[in-house]
Amino acid sequence: IPEAEKASLAGVGAQYDSEVVYHSIKEDLVKQGVVYTDMESAIKEYEDIVKEYFMKCVPPSDH
């Protein structure tokens, strides 16, 4: 990823054959409690957060 793009990204992830092989998130966001992970891991590790927020920000009718 070019440096100019890195500066504007909050986080980035890469998948290979349906597996996350790389992810990175800015340290200031981690300090604020932001979680950046794949959905499968989120369900296992952050079940309460997923239940609270999943499908709440964008209504299904907007898809």
Protein backbone atom coordinates (compact mmCIF):
# COMPACT_ATOMS: atom_id res chain seq x y z
CA ILE A 1 0.00 0.00 0.00
CA PRO A 2 1.46 3.37 -0.95
CA GLU A 3 2.42 5.61 1.99
CA ALA A 4 -0.11 8.29 1.00
CA GLU A 5 -2.91 5.74 1.25
CA LYS A 6 -1.60 4.27 4.51
CA ALA A 7 -1.86 7.69 6.13
CA SER A 8 -5.57 7.92 5.39
CA LEU A 9 -6.53 4.35 6.34
CA ALA A 10 -7.69 3.56 9.87
CA GLY A 11 -7.09 -0.14 9.34
CA VAL A 12 -6.32 -2.60 6.60
CA GLY A 13 -6.74 -6.34 6.17
CA ALA A 14 -5.84 -8.97 3.60
CA GLN A 15 -7.35 -12.38 2.95
CA TYR A 16 -6.02 -15.41 1.10
CA ASP A 17 -8.27 -18.42 0.47
CA SER A 18 -10.86 -17.06 2.93
CA GLU A 19 -8.29 -16.71 5.71
CA VAL A 20 -7.11 -13.39 7.13
CA VAL A 21 -3.37 -13.30 6.55
CA TYR A 22 -2.69 -9.71 7.60
CA HIS A 23 -4.42 -6.96 9.50
CA SER A 24 -3.28 -3.70 10.97
CA ILE A 25 -4.97 -0.87 12.83
CA LYS A 26 -3.68 2.51 13.94
CA GLU A 27 -2.47 2.50 17.54
CA ASP A 28 -4.57 5.52 18.57
CA LEU A 29 -7.72 3.61 17.60
CA VAL A 30 -6.65 0.59 19.65
CA LYS A 31 -6.23 2.89 22.67
CA GLN A 32 -9.83 4.05 22.13
CA GLY A 33 -11.07 0.45 22.22
CA VAL A 34 -11.66 0.00 18.49
CA VAL A 35 -11.71 -3.67 17.46
CA TYR A 36 -10.60 -4.57 13.93
CA THR A 37 -10.94 -8.25 13.14
CA ASP A 38 -12.69 -10.69 10.86
CA MET A 39 -16.32 -11.56 11.54
CA GLU A 40 -15.64 -15.15 12.64
CA SER A 41 -13.13 -14.03 15.27
CA ALA A 42 -15.37 -11.17 16.37
CA ILE A 43 -18.25 -13.55 17.07
CA LYS A 44 -15.99 -15.81 19.12
CA GLU A 45 -14.03 -13.12 20.98
CA TYR A 46 -16.46 -10.19 21.20
CA GLU A 47 -19.89 -11.83 21.19
CA ASP A 48 -21.57 -9.12 23.30
CA ILE A 49 -20.33 -6.30 21.07
CA VAL A 50 -21.41 -8.12 17.91
CA LYS A 51 -24.87 -8.76 19.37
CA GLU A 52 -25.23 -5.11 20.34
CA TYR A 53 -24.12 -3.53 17.06
CA PHE A 54 -24.47 -6.06 14.21
CA MET A 55 -26.95 -4.85 11.58
CA LYS A 56 -27.69 -1.67 13.59
CA CYS A 57 -25.67 1.00 11.74
CA VAL A 58 -27.02 0.24 8.27
CA PRO A 59 -30.60 -0.99 8.08
CA PRO A 60 -31.16 -4.14 5.98
CA SER A 61 -33.38 -2.09 3.64
CA ASP A 62 -30.30 -0.05 2.61
CA HIS A 63 -28.44 -3.07 1.24
